[in-house]
Structure formats: C-alpha cells, structure tokens
Amino acid sequence: MTTSHEHIEVTLGRQGRLVIPAALRKEPGLTPGTAMVARIEDNRLVLEKPDAIWARIERRFSPIPSTVNLADELITERREEAKLEDRS
C-alpha cells in the first residue's frame, strides 16, 4: 500500500455525512456499499475495510511462516542436544 502526501480537504455535511473524494476512494478500492469500520485513534478518525483489519490481526498473531513445522524443529533440536550429551 502506498501513502500519498497529498492533502484533500473534505467537509462534514448534513447529519454528519462525509463524502470521500474519488482520489481517496480509488487506491483502497472503495465502492458504493463497501463496509467500513470506523474508530478514533490518537484523536483521528480511521476508516478501514474489515478484511484489512483481519489481515493485520493475522499478521500480528501468526509471525511464524506456514512452511515452518515447530514439531519437526523441536525434534531436530532435541536430537542435536542428545548427540552433544552422548559426546560428553
């Protein structure tokens, strides 16, 4: 994802509605009907698509690549330790 340093001013409309300009909707692929999650973070309004939130959560709690088998790694480590003990 790229970040633009361009500033686009928007104005809150009637009933607190905000129109997101096309230039800001394009990159994240926002189209009419796109579900968004809104939150306040550091006194800023943050809008995110739910799939972006899930992807961030998965990255945060799944730091181990899926190609790594922890059981196999543990067995290998134990065998190496056993070899070292046998030499002693």
C-alpha atoms as a PDB file:
ATOM      1  CA  MET A   1       0.000   0.000   0.000  1.00  0.00           C
ATOM      2  CA  THR A   2       1.329   3.413  -0.855  1.00  0.00           C
ATOM      3  CA  THR A   3       0.753   6.551   1.132  1.00  0.00           C
ATOM      4  CA  SER A   4       0.109   9.849  -0.564  1.00  0.00           C
ATOM      5  CA  HIS A   5       1.278  13.090   0.954  1.00  0.00           C
ATOM      6  CA  GLU A   6      -1.437  14.941  -0.931  1.00  0.00           C
ATOM      7  CA  HIS A   7      -3.952  16.673   1.319  1.00  0.00           C
ATOM      8  CA  ILE A   8      -7.567  16.744   0.268  1.00  0.00           C
ATOM      9  CA  GLU A   9      -9.928  18.844   2.312  1.00  0.00           C
ATOM     10  CA  VAL A  10     -13.391  17.428   2.996  1.00  0.00           C
ATOM     11  CA  THR A  11     -16.339  18.993   4.780  1.00  0.00           C
ATOM     12  CA  LEU A  12     -18.800  17.267   7.042  1.00  0.00           C
ATOM     13  CA  GLY A  13     -22.277  17.579   5.568  1.00  0.00           C
ATOM     14  CA  ARG A  14     -25.774  17.436   6.921  1.00  0.00           C
ATOM     15  CA  GLN A  15     -26.434  14.799   9.539  1.00  0.00           C
ATOM     16  CA  GLY A  16     -22.666  14.282   9.936  1.00  0.00           C
ATOM     17  CA  ARG A  17     -22.229  12.743   6.492  1.00  0.00           C
ATOM     18  CA  LEU A  18     -18.851  12.777   4.845  1.00  0.00           C
ATOM     19  CA  VAL A  19     -18.266  12.357   1.129  1.00  0.00           C
ATOM     20  CA  ILE A  20     -14.958  10.622   0.423  1.00  0.00           C
ATOM     21  CA  PRO A  21     -13.458  12.145  -2.741  1.00  0.00           C
ATOM     22  CA  ALA A  22     -12.745   9.798  -5.654  1.00  0.00           C
ATOM     23  CA  ALA A  23      -8.998  10.360  -5.328  1.00  0.00           C
ATOM     24  CA  LEU A  24      -9.142   8.848  -1.824  1.00  0.00           C
ATOM     25  CA  ARG A  25     -11.531   6.015  -2.736  1.00  0.00           C
ATOM     26  CA  LYS A  26      -9.504   4.712  -5.665  1.00  0.00           C
ATOM     27  CA  GLU A  27      -6.432   3.124  -4.037  1.00  0.00           C
ATOM     28  CA  PRO A  28      -8.230   1.151  -1.299  1.00  0.00           C
ATOM     29  CA  GLY A  29     -10.911   0.136  -3.809  1.00  0.00           C
ATOM     30  CA  LEU A  30     -13.836   1.767  -2.053  1.00  0.00           C
ATOM     31  CA  THR A  31     -17.079   1.500  -3.992  1.00  0.00           C
ATOM     32  CA  PRO A  32     -20.684   2.227  -3.024  1.00  0.00           C
ATOM     33  CA  GLY A  33     -21.771  -0.319  -0.429  1.00  0.00           C
ATOM     34  CA  THR A  34     -18.242  -1.117   0.808  1.00  0.00           C
ATOM     35  CA  ALA A  35     -18.393  -1.983   4.512  1.00  0.00           C
ATOM     36  CA  MET A  36     -16.069   0.077   6.671  1.00  0.00           C
ATOM     37  CA  VAL A  37     -15.131   0.005  10.350  1.00  0.00           C
ATOM     38  CA  ALA A  38     -14.678   3.410  11.994  1.00  0.00           C
ATOM     39  CA  ARG A  39     -12.653   4.133  15.127  1.00  0.00           C
ATOM     40  CA  ILE A  40     -10.947   7.027  16.852  1.00  0.00           C
ATOM     41  CA  GLU A  41      -7.172   6.627  17.141  1.00  0.00           C
ATOM     42  CA  ASP A  42      -4.948   9.371  18.543  1.00  0.00           C
ATOM     43  CA  ASN A  43      -7.730  11.932  18.014  1.00  0.00           C
ATOM     44  CA  ARG A  44      -8.059  10.889  14.351  1.00  0.00           C
ATOM     45  CA  LEU A  45     -10.956   9.231  12.567  1.00  0.00           C
ATOM     46  CA  VAL A  46      -9.734   5.989  10.982  1.00  0.00           C
ATOM     47  CA  LEU A  47     -11.813   4.071   8.427  1.00  0.00           C
ATOM     48  CA  GLU A  48     -10.805   0.538   7.451  1.00  0.00           C
ATOM     49  CA  LYS A  49     -12.278  -2.304   5.483  1.00  0.00           C
ATOM     50  CA  PRO A  50     -12.919  -5.365   7.688  1.00  0.00           C
ATOM     51  CA  ASP A  51     -10.672  -7.584   5.538  1.00  0.00           C
ATOM     52  CA  ALA A  52      -7.769  -5.181   6.131  1.00  0.00           C
ATOM     53  CA  ILE A  53      -8.346  -5.458   9.883  1.00  0.00           C
ATOM     54  CA  TRP A  54      -8.399  -9.261   9.742  1.00  0.00           C
ATOM     55  CA  ALA A  55      -5.226  -9.322   7.641  1.00  0.00           C
ATOM     56  CA  ARG A  56      -3.451  -7.107  10.198  1.00  0.00           C
ATOM     57  CA  ILE A  57      -4.625  -9.331  13.082  1.00  0.00           C
ATOM     58  CA  GLU A  58      -3.452 -12.474  11.287  1.00  0.00           C
ATOM     59  CA  ARG A  59      -0.020 -10.930  10.612  1.00  0.00           C
ATOM     60  CA  ARG A  60       0.270  -9.869  14.238  1.00  0.00           C
ATOM     61  CA  PHE A  61      -0.601 -13.227  15.751  1.00  0.00           C
ATOM     62  CA  SER A  62       0.891 -15.503  13.104  1.00  0.00           C
ATOM     63  CA  PRO A  63       4.540 -14.462  12.940  1.00  0.00           C
ATOM     64  CA  ILE A  64       5.664 -17.990  12.092  1.00  0.00           C
ATOM     65  CA  PRO A  65       5.579 -18.784   8.357  1.00  0.00           C
ATOM     66  CA  SER A  66       3.221 -21.627   7.498  1.00  0.00           C
ATOM     67  CA  THR A  67       6.156 -23.552   5.980  1.00  0.00           C
ATOM     68  CA  VAL A  68       7.720 -23.974   9.434  1.00  0.00           C
ATOM     69  CA  ASN A  69       6.789 -27.108  11.348  1.00  0.00           C
ATOM     70  CA  LEU A  70       7.506 -26.391  15.001  1.00  0.00           C
ATOM     71  CA  ALA A  71       7.273 -30.053  15.998  1.00  0.00           C
ATOM     72  CA  ASP A  72       9.927 -31.022  13.448  1.00  0.00           C
ATOM     73  CA  GLU A  73      12.175 -28.179  14.588  1.00  0.00           C
ATOM     74  CA  LEU A  74      11.819 -29.236  18.231  1.00  0.00           C
ATOM     75  CA  ILE A  75      12.652 -32.866  17.400  1.00  0.00           C
ATOM     76  CA  THR A  76      15.725 -31.755  15.435  1.00  0.00           C
ATOM     77  CA  GLU A  77      16.917 -29.575  18.330  1.00  0.00           C
ATOM     78  CA  ARG A  78      16.421 -32.395  20.841  1.00  0.00           C
ATOM     79  CA  ARG A  79      18.355 -34.843  18.641  1.00  0.00           C
ATOM     80  CA  GLU A  80      21.253 -32.362  18.320  1.00  0.00           C
ATOM     81  CA  GLU A  81      21.281 -31.847  22.093  1.00  0.00           C
ATOM     82  CA  ALA A  82      21.262 -35.627  22.630  1.00  0.00           C
ATOM     83  CA  LYS A  83      24.264 -36.018  20.305  1.00  0.00           C
ATOM     84  CA  LEU A  84      26.154 -33.378  22.272  1.00  0.00           C
ATOM     85  CA  GLU A  85      25.334 -35.154  25.555  1.00  0.00           C
ATOM     86  CA  ASP A  86      26.496 -38.503  24.156  1.00  0.00           C
ATOM     87  CA  ARG A  87      29.871 -36.970  23.277  1.00  0.00           C
ATOM     88  CA  SER A  88      30.350 -35.730  26.834  1.00  0.00           C
END
